[in-house]
Amino acid sequence: MSEDRRTHLDLFSGIGGFALAAGWAGFETIAFCEREPFPRRVLRKHWPDVPIIEDVQDLDGRDYRGTALLTGGFPCQPYSHAGKRRGKEDDRHLWGEMARIISEARPRWVLGENVVGLISMGLDEVLSDLEGMDYASEAVVVPACAVDAHHRRDRVWIIGSRNVEDTQGNRGRQAKLRRQESSRSSFSSEDVPDPNGGRFKGGEKFNRQPKQPGKQTCQGRHLMRHCMERPERWIIEPDVGRVAHGIPDRIHRLRGLGNAIVPQVAFEILRLMR
């Protein structure tokens, strides 16, 4: 598989947030991995030609060797402050499976996502594993309000870039510089940039405060179709009451949204991957 195709393998796919962002950034999603039935229905509806592997333990990364991008919002329950924070003792601790697939597939880029509770419980392990697989890696906290969403939703974004050999057998200059900078830090929790700092990878500036609602650009059933076409900065949700009647699969939809990434944030990172 040639990296020139800008292909994308998506783990823990949920309802397709990473696939949306990857498509906006010019990547072609070639496979999903998702175990829950309702998210798989959403994926099949919007990406009918993309295969879905149901169990991450059944996915052989060698089948996708050379893919350009691998993404995954691996389960957050072992680290979330809303849970018991059992870490590796939780059977939903699946970073090890994601690391295995990365080592087998050897993607050019890796983008992971998790809750901020990971910083004190597993981020050092994640970054160390990536470095051990010869990836220059770093982590940054970016909230949803950085892309004008009207809620905070702090999340840790983990970025890995595979160190590659150029035609003279030397490390690629950009990857080498990243590696050298990474080696100067242990990437402990204090190393992750504060989301209030207004700073992001590459020196780009983000507006950390939500803006006032603007004109709504699409509604209801047109929302997904519109979002598939272009990465809107943010689309304001219609004003609805808290009690909703007659909405099919309402609980499954809410759960899918709760587990989803904010694709507009992922896009801001993925568009820098060349």
C-alpha atoms as a PDB file:
ATOM      1  CA  MET A   1       0.000   0.000   0.000  1.00  0.00           C
ATOM      2  CA  SER A   2       1.478   3.334  -1.075  1.00  0.00           C
ATOM      3  CA  GLU A   3       1.484   6.263   1.344  1.00  0.00           C
ATOM      4  CA  ASP A   4       1.071   8.547  -1.678  1.00  0.00           C
ATOM      5  CA  ARG A   5      -2.631   7.550  -1.701  1.00  0.00           C
ATOM      6  CA  ARG A   6      -3.135   9.233   1.688  1.00  0.00           C
ATOM      7  CA  THR A   7      -5.116   6.290   2.999  1.00  0.00           C
ATOM      8  CA  HIS A   8      -6.639   6.193   6.482  1.00  0.00           C
ATOM      9  CA  LEU A   9      -7.248   3.326   8.917  1.00  0.00           C
ATOM     10  CA  ASP A  10      -9.695   4.255  11.690  1.00  0.00           C
ATOM     11  CA  LEU A  11      -9.772   2.367  15.013  1.00  0.00           C
ATOM     12  CA  PHE A  12     -12.515   2.706  17.649  1.00  0.00           C
ATOM     13  CA  SER A  13     -14.437   4.496  14.913  1.00  0.00           C
ATOM     14  CA  GLY A  14     -17.682   5.338  16.721  1.00  0.00           C
ATOM     15  CA  ILE A  15     -19.976   7.320  14.428  1.00  0.00           C
ATOM     16  CA  GLY A  16     -17.162   8.425  12.122  1.00  0.00           C
ATOM     17  CA  GLY A  17     -15.775  11.689  13.504  1.00  0.00           C
ATOM     18  CA  PHE A  18     -12.207  10.900  12.488  1.00  0.00           C
ATOM     19  CA  ALA A  19     -13.353   9.784   9.036  1.00  0.00           C
ATOM     20  CA  LEU A  20     -15.151  13.099   8.517  1.00  0.00           C
ATOM     21  CA  ALA A  21     -12.060  15.068   9.506  1.00  0.00           C
ATOM     22  CA  ALA A  22      -9.769  12.835   7.448  1.00  0.00           C
ATOM     23  CA  GLY A  23     -11.942  13.311   4.366  1.00  0.00           C
ATOM     24  CA  TRP A  24     -11.846  17.085   4.772  1.00  0.00           C
ATOM     25  CA  ALA A  25      -8.033  16.882   4.999  1.00  0.00           C
ATOM     26  CA  GLY A  26      -7.717  14.781   1.835  1.00  0.00           C
ATOM     27  CA  PHE A  27      -7.358  11.276   3.301  1.00  0.00           C
ATOM     28  CA  GLU A  28      -9.301   8.247   2.033  1.00  0.00           C
ATOM     29  CA  THR A  29     -10.704   6.015   4.785  1.00  0.00           C
ATOM     30  CA  ILE A  30     -10.128   2.374   3.809  1.00  0.00           C
ATOM     31  CA  ALA A  31     -11.320   0.528   6.944  1.00  0.00           C
ATOM     32  CA  PHE A  32     -13.167   1.056  10.218  1.00  0.00           C
ATOM     33  CA  CYS A  33     -12.991  -0.879  13.465  1.00  0.00           C
ATOM     34  CA  GLU A  34     -16.060  -0.594  15.696  1.00  0.00           C
ATOM     35  CA  ARG A  35     -17.813  -3.135  17.931  1.00  0.00           C
ATOM     36  CA  GLU A  36     -21.081  -1.330  18.838  1.00  0.00           C
ATOM     37  CA  PRO A  37     -24.077  -2.064  16.545  1.00  0.00           C
ATOM     38  CA  PHE A  38     -25.593   1.448  16.340  1.00  0.00           C
ATOM     39  CA  PRO A  39     -22.345   3.237  15.344  1.00  0.00           C
ATOM     40  CA  ARG A  40     -21.775   0.539  12.717  1.00  0.00           C
ATOM     41  CA  ARG A  41     -25.185   1.391  11.245  1.00  0.00           C
ATOM     42  CA  VAL A  42     -24.133   5.053  11.025  1.00  0.00           C
ATOM     43  CA  LEU A  43     -20.827   4.115   9.375  1.00  0.00           C
ATOM     44  CA  ARG A  44     -22.504   1.857   6.822  1.00  0.00           C
ATOM     45  CA  LYS A  45     -24.986   4.589   5.940  1.00  0.00           C
ATOM     46  CA  HIS A  46     -22.402   7.276   5.242  1.00  0.00           C
ATOM     47  CA  TRP A  47     -19.443   5.123   4.111  1.00  0.00           C
ATOM     48  CA  PRO A  48     -21.209   2.121   2.518  1.00  0.00           C
ATOM     49  CA  ASP A  49     -18.126   0.899   0.647  1.00  0.00           C
ATOM     50  CA  VAL A  50     -15.704   0.965   3.594  1.00  0.00           C
ATOM     51  CA  PRO A  51     -15.335  -2.376   5.435  1.00  0.00           C
ATOM     52  CA  ILE A  52     -15.837  -2.566   9.207  1.00  0.00           C
ATOM     53  CA  ILE A  53     -13.850  -4.888  11.471  1.00  0.00           C
ATOM     54  CA  GLU A  54     -15.943  -5.472  14.576  1.00  0.00           C
ATOM     55  CA  ASP A  55     -13.277  -6.457  17.123  1.00  0.00           C
ATOM     56  CA  VAL A  56      -9.962  -4.640  17.414  1.00  0.00           C
ATOM     57  CA  GLN A  57      -8.357  -7.896  18.573  1.00  0.00           C
ATOM     58  CA  ASP A  58      -9.226  -9.443  15.191  1.00  0.00           C
ATOM     59  CA  LEU A  59      -7.601  -6.650  13.185  1.00  0.00           C
ATOM     60  CA  ASP A  60      -4.223  -7.521  11.675  1.00  0.00           C
ATOM     61  CA  GLY A  61      -2.336  -4.294  11.044  1.00  0.00           C
ATOM     62  CA  ARG A  62      -0.150  -6.028   8.448  1.00  0.00           C
ATOM     63  CA  ASP A  63      -3.158  -6.014   6.125  1.00  0.00           C
ATOM     64  CA  TYR A  64      -2.855  -2.206   6.090  1.00  0.00           C
ATOM     65  CA  ARG A  65       0.926  -1.943   5.993  1.00  0.00           C
ATOM     66  CA  GLY A  66       1.992   1.437   4.625  1.00  0.00           C
ATOM     67  CA  THR A  67      -1.266   3.291   5.216  1.00  0.00           C
ATOM     68  CA  ALA A  68      -0.621   7.008   5.483  1.00  0.00           C
ATOM     69  CA  LEU A  69      -2.718   7.686   8.594  1.00  0.00           C
ATOM     70  CA  LEU A  70      -3.991   5.706  11.558  1.00  0.00           C
ATOM     71  CA  THR A  71      -6.441   7.290  14.000  1.00  0.00           C
ATOM     72  CA  GLY A  72      -8.120   6.112  17.162  1.00  0.00           C
ATOM     73  CA  GLY A  73      -9.980   7.505  20.128  1.00  0.00           C
ATOM     74  CA  PHE A  74      -9.173   4.486  22.272  1.00  0.00           C
ATOM     75  CA  PRO A  75     -11.654   3.890  25.148  1.00  0.00           C
ATOM     76  CA  CYS A  76     -11.510   6.601  27.796  1.00  0.00           C
ATOM     77  CA  GLN A  77     -13.349   4.850  30.636  1.00  0.00           C
ATOM     78  CA  PRO A  78     -10.164   3.525  32.328  1.00  0.00           C
ATOM     79  CA  TYR A  79      -8.881   7.108  32.746  1.00  0.00           C
ATOM     80  CA  SER A  80     -12.008   9.271  32.955  1.00  0.00           C
ATOM     81  CA  HIS A  81     -12.659  11.273  36.120  1.00  0.00           C
ATOM     82  CA  ALA A  82     -16.307  10.261  35.700  1.00  0.00           C
ATOM     83  CA  GLY A  83     -15.417   6.615  36.348  1.00  0.00           C
ATOM     84  CA  LYS A  84     -13.360   4.520  38.762  1.00  0.00           C
ATOM     85  CA  ARG A  85     -10.058   5.258  36.968  1.00  0.00           C
ATOM     86  CA  ARG A  86      -8.780   1.692  37.155  1.00  0.00           C
ATOM     87  CA  GLY A  87      -6.327   2.180  34.292  1.00  0.00           C
ATOM     88  CA  LYS A  88      -4.756  -1.080  33.142  1.00  0.00           C
ATOM     89  CA  GLU A  89      -6.967  -3.037  35.525  1.00  0.00           C
ATOM     90  CA  ASP A  90     -10.000  -2.023  33.453  1.00  0.00           C
ATOM     91  CA  ASP A  91     -10.803  -4.506  30.675  1.00  0.00           C
ATOM     92  CA  ARG A  92     -11.517  -1.518  28.415  1.00  0.00           C
ATOM     93  CA  HIS A  93      -7.833  -0.528  28.546  1.00  0.00           C
ATOM     94  CA  LEU A  94      -7.133  -1.060  24.834  1.00  0.00           C
ATOM     95  CA  TRP A  95      -4.147   1.167  24.130  1.00  0.00           C
ATOM     96  CA  GLY A  96      -2.075  -2.032  23.909  1.00  0.00           C
ATOM     97  CA  GLU A  97      -4.179  -3.215  20.948  1.00  0.00           C
ATOM     98  CA  MET A  98      -3.848   0.144  19.219  1.00  0.00           C
ATOM     99  CA  ALA A  99      -0.077   0.077  19.775  1.00  0.00           C
ATOM    100  CA  ARG A 100       0.098  -3.449  18.326  1.00  0.00           C
ATOM    101  CA  ILE A 101      -1.730  -2.376  15.185  1.00  0.00           C
ATOM    102  CA  ILE A 102       0.496   0.692  14.804  1.00  0.00           C
ATOM    103  CA  SER A 103       3.596  -1.515  15.010  1.00  0.00           C
ATOM    104  CA  GLU A 104       2.135  -3.866  12.372  1.00  0.00           C
ATOM    105  CA  ALA A 105       0.751  -1.251   9.967  1.00  0.00           C
ATOM    106  CA  ARG A 106       3.609   1.285  10.294  1.00  0.00           C
ATOM    107  CA  PRO A 107       1.496   4.297   9.226  1.00  0.00           C
ATOM    108  CA  ARG A 108       3.226   7.558   8.329  1.00  0.00           C
ATOM    109  CA  TRP A 109       1.076   9.457  10.831  1.00  0.00           C
ATOM    110  CA  VAL A 110      -0.782   8.527  14.015  1.00  0.00           C
ATOM    111  CA  LEU A 111      -3.468  10.643  15.672  1.00  0.00           C
ATOM    112  CA  GLY A 112      -4.998   9.479  18.948  1.00  0.00           C
ATOM    113  CA  GLU A 113      -7.539  11.125  21.243  1.00  0.00           C
ATOM    114  CA  ASN A 114      -8.600  10.655  24.847  1.00  0.00           C
ATOM    115  CA  VAL A 115      -9.857  12.453  27.939  1.00  0.00           C
ATOM    116  CA  VAL A 116      -7.550  14.655  30.010  1.00  0.00           C
ATOM    117  CA  GLY A 117      -7.571  12.022  32.747  1.00  0.00           C
ATOM    118  CA  LEU A 118      -5.119  10.091  30.562  1.00  0.00           C
ATOM    119  CA  ILE A 119      -2.433  12.684  31.339  1.00  0.00           C
ATOM    120  CA  SER A 120      -1.906  11.437  34.890  1.00  0.00           C
ATOM    121  CA  MET A 121      -2.617   7.743  34.218  1.00  0.00           C
ATOM    122  CA  GLY A 122      -1.264   6.621  30.866  1.00  0.00           C
ATOM    123  CA  LEU A 123       0.049   9.385  28.623  1.00  0.00           C
ATOM    124  CA  ASP A 124       3.695   8.698  29.456  1.00  0.00           C
ATOM    125  CA  GLU A 125       3.187   5.062  28.453  1.00  0.00           C
ATOM    126  CA  VAL A 126       1.503   6.006  25.179  1.00  0.00           C
ATOM    127  CA  LEU A 127       4.248   8.425  24.166  1.00  0.00           C
ATOM    128  CA  SER A 128       6.973   6.033  25.282  1.00  0.00           C
ATOM    129  CA  ASP A 129       5.443   3.220  23.213  1.00  0.00           C
ATOM    130  CA  LEU A 130       5.310   5.456  20.142  1.00  0.00           C
ATOM    131  CA  GLU A 131       8.921   6.534  20.637  1.00  0.00           C
ATOM    132  CA  GLY A 132       9.880   2.872  20.987  1.00  0.00           C
ATOM    133  CA  MET A 133       8.301   2.207  17.588  1.00  0.00           C
ATOM    134  CA  ASP A 134      10.411   5.015  16.079  1.00  0.00           C
ATOM    135  CA  TYR A 135       7.720   7.685  16.052  1.00  0.00           C
ATOM    136  CA  ALA A 136       8.412  11.276  17.050  1.00  0.00           C
ATOM    137  CA  SER A 137       5.456  12.014  19.290  1.00  0.00           C
ATOM    138  CA  GLU A 138       3.866  14.789  21.269  1.00  0.00           C
ATOM    139  CA  ALA A 139       0.566  15.566  22.979  1.00  0.00           C
ATOM    140  CA  VAL A 140      -1.570  18.678  23.219  1.00  0.00           C
ATOM    141  CA  VAL A 141      -4.818  19.512  24.989  1.00  0.00           C
ATOM    142  CA  VAL A 142      -7.302  21.196  22.647  1.00  0.00           C
ATOM    143  CA  PRO A 143     -10.890  21.906  23.798  1.00  0.00           C
ATOM    144  CA  ALA A 144     -13.948  21.951  21.568  1.00  0.00           C
ATOM    145  CA  CYS A 145     -14.339  25.690  22.138  1.00  0.00           C
ATOM    146  CA  ALA A 146     -11.045  26.142  20.257  1.00  0.00           C
ATOM    147  CA  VAL A 147     -13.099  25.642  17.087  1.00  0.00           C
ATOM    148  CA  ASP A 148     -15.986  27.809  18.304  1.00  0.00           C
ATOM    149  CA  ALA A 149     -18.101  25.047  19.853  1.00  0.00           C
ATOM    150  CA  HIS A 150     -20.296  26.273  22.677  1.00  0.00           C
ATOM    151  CA  HIS A 151     -18.874  23.889  25.250  1.00  0.00           C
ATOM    152  CA  ARG A 152     -15.363  23.237  26.548  1.00  0.00           C
ATOM    153  CA  ARG A 153     -14.756  19.446  26.164  1.00  0.00           C
ATOM    154  CA  ASP A 154     -11.010  19.316  26.854  1.00  0.00           C
ATOM    155  CA  ARG A 155      -9.344  16.385  25.095  1.00  0.00           C
ATOM    156  CA  VAL A 156      -5.774  15.127  24.758  1.00  0.00           C
ATOM    157  CA  TRP A 157      -4.642  14.764  21.148  1.00  0.00           C
ATOM    158  CA  ILE A 158      -1.631  12.499  20.587  1.00  0.00           C
ATOM    159  CA  ILE A 159       0.350  13.071  17.403  1.00  0.00           C
ATOM    160  CA  GLY A 160       2.916  10.605  16.074  1.00  0.00           C
ATOM    161  CA  SER A 161       5.139  11.008  13.011  1.00  0.00           C
ATOM    162  CA  ARG A 162       7.126   7.993  11.795  1.00  0.00           C
ATOM    163  CA  ASN A 163      10.813   8.666  11.334  1.00  0.00           C
ATOM    164  CA  VAL A 164      11.563   7.771   7.717  1.00  0.00           C
ATOM    165  CA  GLU A 165      14.759   7.282   5.730  1.00  0.00           C
ATOM    166  CA  ASP A 166      15.396   9.530   2.752  1.00  0.00           C
ATOM    167  CA  THR A 167      17.123   8.365  -0.443  1.00  0.00           C
ATOM    168  CA  GLN A 168      20.585   9.032   1.048  1.00  0.00           C
ATOM    169  CA  GLY A 169      19.794   6.868   4.089  1.00  0.00           C
ATOM    170  CA  ASN A 170      19.501   9.849   6.439  1.00  0.00           C
ATOM    171  CA  ARG A 171      16.596  10.727   8.631  1.00  0.00           C
ATOM    172  CA  GLY A 172      14.083  13.091   7.084  1.00  0.00           C
ATOM    173  CA  ARG A 173      15.003  16.557   8.322  1.00  0.00           C
ATOM    174  CA  GLN A 174      11.590  17.400   9.707  1.00  0.00           C
ATOM    175  CA  ALA A 175      11.196  14.087  11.537  1.00  0.00           C
ATOM    176  CA  LYS A 176      14.717  14.369  12.913  1.00  0.00           C
ATOM    177  CA  LEU A 177      14.066  17.794  14.374  1.00  0.00           C
ATOM    178  CA  ARG A 178      10.850  16.557  15.985  1.00  0.00           C
ATOM    179  CA  ARG A 179      12.670  13.568  17.435  1.00  0.00           C
ATOM    180  CA  GLN A 180      15.405  15.737  18.931  1.00  0.00           C
ATOM    181  CA  GLU A 181      12.871  18.059  20.506  1.00  0.00           C
ATOM    182  CA  SER A 182      10.858  15.131  21.854  1.00  0.00           C
ATOM    183  CA  SER A 183      13.938  13.605  23.488  1.00  0.00           C
ATOM    184  CA  ARG A 184      14.460  16.718  25.607  1.00  0.00           C
ATOM    185  CA  SER A 185      11.252  16.071  27.532  1.00  0.00           C
ATOM    186  CA  SER A 186       9.807  13.190  29.535  1.00  0.00           C
ATOM    187  CA  PHE A 187       6.294  14.268  28.434  1.00  0.00           C
ATOM    188  CA  SER A 188       4.900  14.191  31.942  1.00  0.00           C
ATOM    189  CA  SER A 189       1.554  15.804  32.693  1.00  0.00           C
ATOM    190  CA  GLU A 190       3.224  19.185  33.184  1.00  0.00           C
ATOM    191  CA  ASP A 191       4.536  19.076  29.596  1.00  0.00           C
ATOM    192  CA  VAL A 192       1.093  19.107  27.989  1.00  0.00           C
ATOM    193  CA  PRO A 193       0.186  22.668  26.938  1.00  0.00           C
ATOM    194  CA  ASP A 194      -2.563  24.334  28.938  1.00  0.00           C
ATOM    195  CA  PRO A 195      -5.634  24.808  26.707  1.00  0.00           C
ATOM    196  CA  ASN A 196      -6.034  28.323  28.089  1.00  0.00           C
ATOM    197  CA  GLY A 197      -2.699  29.342  26.602  1.00  0.00           C
ATOM    198  CA  GLY A 198      -4.002  30.004  23.109  1.00  0.00           C
ATOM    199  CA  ARG A 199      -1.076  28.111  21.537  1.00  0.00           C
ATOM    200  CA  PHE A 200      -1.036  25.110  19.247  1.00  0.00           C
ATOM    201  CA  LYS A 201       1.403  22.989  17.262  1.00  0.00           C
ATOM    202  CA  GLY A 202       3.271  25.017  14.701  1.00  0.00           C
ATOM    203  CA  GLY A 203       2.607  28.300  16.475  1.00  0.00           C
ATOM    204  CA  GLU A 204      -0.937  28.595  15.185  1.00  0.00           C
ATOM    205  CA  LYS A 205      -3.370  30.616  17.255  1.00  0.00           C
ATOM    206  CA  PHE A 206      -6.775  29.379  18.300  1.00  0.00           C
ATOM    207  CA  ASN A 207      -9.663  31.365  19.659  1.00  0.00           C
ATOM    208  CA  ARG A 208     -10.204  29.684  23.021  1.00  0.00           C
ATOM    209  CA  GLN A 209     -13.507  31.422  23.769  1.00  0.00           C
ATOM    210  CA  PRO A 210     -16.778  30.475  22.070  1.00  0.00           C
ATOM    211  CA  LYS A 211     -18.263  33.076  19.771  1.00  0.00           C
ATOM    212  CA  GLN A 212     -21.850  34.256  19.746  1.00  0.00           C
ATOM    213  CA  PRO A 213     -24.183  32.061  17.694  1.00  0.00           C
ATOM    214  CA  GLY A 214     -24.204  32.981  14.036  1.00  0.00           C
ATOM    215  CA  LYS A 215     -26.629  32.233  11.244  1.00  0.00           C
ATOM    216  CA  GLN A 216     -27.499  28.567  11.063  1.00  0.00           C
ATOM    217  CA  THR A 217     -26.297  27.051   7.785  1.00  0.00           C
ATOM    218  CA  CYS A 218     -28.174  23.763   7.765  1.00  0.00           C
ATOM    219  CA  GLN A 219     -30.746  21.869   9.794  1.00  0.00           C
ATOM    220  CA  GLY A 220     -32.069  18.405  10.549  1.00  0.00           C
ATOM    221  CA  ARG A 221     -31.503  15.758   7.922  1.00  0.00           C
ATOM    222  CA  HIS A 222     -29.272  18.049   5.837  1.00  0.00           C
ATOM    223  CA  LEU A 223     -26.665  18.358   8.620  1.00  0.00           C
ATOM    224  CA  MET A 224     -24.588  15.241   7.902  1.00  0.00           C
ATOM    225  CA  ARG A 225     -24.684  15.768   4.127  1.00  0.00           C
ATOM    226  CA  HIS A 226     -23.528  19.349   4.576  1.00  0.00           C
ATOM    227  CA  CYS A 227     -20.745  18.341   6.979  1.00  0.00           C
ATOM    228  CA  MET A 228     -19.542  15.604   4.633  1.00  0.00           C
ATOM    229  CA  GLU A 229     -18.940  18.285   2.000  1.00  0.00           C
ATOM    230  CA  ARG A 230     -17.020  20.888   3.994  1.00  0.00           C
ATOM    231  CA  PRO A 231     -15.519  21.326   7.488  1.00  0.00           C
ATOM    232  CA  GLU A 232     -17.727  24.062   8.928  1.00  0.00           C
ATOM    233  CA  ARG A 233     -16.110  25.785  11.910  1.00  0.00           C
ATOM    234  CA  TRP A 234     -19.226  25.053  13.911  1.00  0.00           C
ATOM    235  CA  ILE A 235     -22.922  24.647  13.184  1.00  0.00           C
ATOM    236  CA  ILE A 236     -25.261  25.829  15.903  1.00  0.00           C
ATOM    237  CA  GLU A 237     -27.675  23.216  17.241  1.00  0.00           C
ATOM    238  CA  PRO A 238     -31.352  24.192  16.953  1.00  0.00           C
ATOM    239  CA  ASP A 239     -33.039  25.295  20.158  1.00  0.00           C
ATOM    240  CA  VAL A 240     -34.790  22.181  21.440  1.00  0.00           C
ATOM    241  CA  GLY A 241     -36.285  21.238  24.784  1.00  0.00           C
ATOM    242  CA  ARG A 242     -34.671  18.720  27.103  1.00  0.00           C
ATOM    243  CA  VAL A 243     -37.568  16.263  26.759  1.00  0.00           C
ATOM    244  CA  ALA A 244     -37.816  14.791  23.279  1.00  0.00           C
ATOM    245  CA  HIS A 245     -40.528  12.396  22.112  1.00  0.00           C
ATOM    246  CA  GLY A 246     -40.677  10.224  19.030  1.00  0.00           C
ATOM    247  CA  ILE A 247     -36.982  10.421  18.095  1.00  0.00           C
ATOM    248  CA  PRO A 248     -35.790   7.000  16.878  1.00  0.00           C
ATOM    249  CA  ASP A 249     -32.707   5.582  18.644  1.00  0.00           C
ATOM    250  CA  ARG A 250     -32.441   8.682  20.827  1.00  0.00           C
ATOM    251  CA  ILE A 251     -30.376   7.004  23.564  1.00  0.00           C
ATOM    252  CA  HIS A 252     -28.035   5.405  21.018  1.00  0.00           C
ATOM    253  CA  ARG A 253     -27.608   8.756  19.267  1.00  0.00           C
ATOM    254  CA  LEU A 254     -26.789  10.545  22.505  1.00  0.00           C
ATOM    255  CA  ARG A 255     -24.294   7.844  23.438  1.00  0.00           C
ATOM    256  CA  GLY A 256     -22.721   8.037  19.981  1.00  0.00           C
ATOM    257  CA  LEU A 257     -22.316  11.791  20.279  1.00  0.00           C
ATOM    258  CA  GLY A 258     -20.967  11.511  23.812  1.00  0.00           C
ATOM    259  CA  ASN A 259     -18.273   9.080  22.700  1.00  0.00           C
ATOM    260  CA  ALA A 260     -17.446  10.977  19.520  1.00  0.00           C
ATOM    261  CA  ILE A 261     -14.556  13.308  18.841  1.00  0.00           C
ATOM    262  CA  VAL A 262     -15.089  16.863  17.618  1.00  0.00           C
ATOM    263  CA  PRO A 263     -14.079  16.447  13.948  1.00  0.00           C
ATOM    264  CA  GLN A 264     -13.376  20.160  13.516  1.00  0.00           C
ATOM    265  CA  VAL A 265     -10.545  19.864  16.064  1.00  0.00           C
ATOM    266  CA  ALA A 266      -9.122  16.762  14.363  1.00  0.00           C
ATOM    267  CA  PHE A 267      -9.219  18.560  11.020  1.00  0.00           C
ATOM    268  CA  GLU A 268      -7.047  21.385  12.326  1.00  0.00           C
ATOM    269  CA  ILE A 269      -4.374  18.791  13.146  1.00  0.00           C
ATOM    270  CA  LEU A 270      -4.796  16.550  10.095  1.00  0.00           C
ATOM    271  CA  ARG A 271      -4.551  19.410   7.617  1.00  0.00           C
ATOM    272  CA  LEU A 272      -0.955  19.944   8.788  1.00  0.00           C
ATOM    273  CA  MET A 273       0.037  16.357   7.936  1.00  0.00           C
ATOM    274  CA  ARG A 274       1.827  16.304   4.613  1.00  0.00           C
END
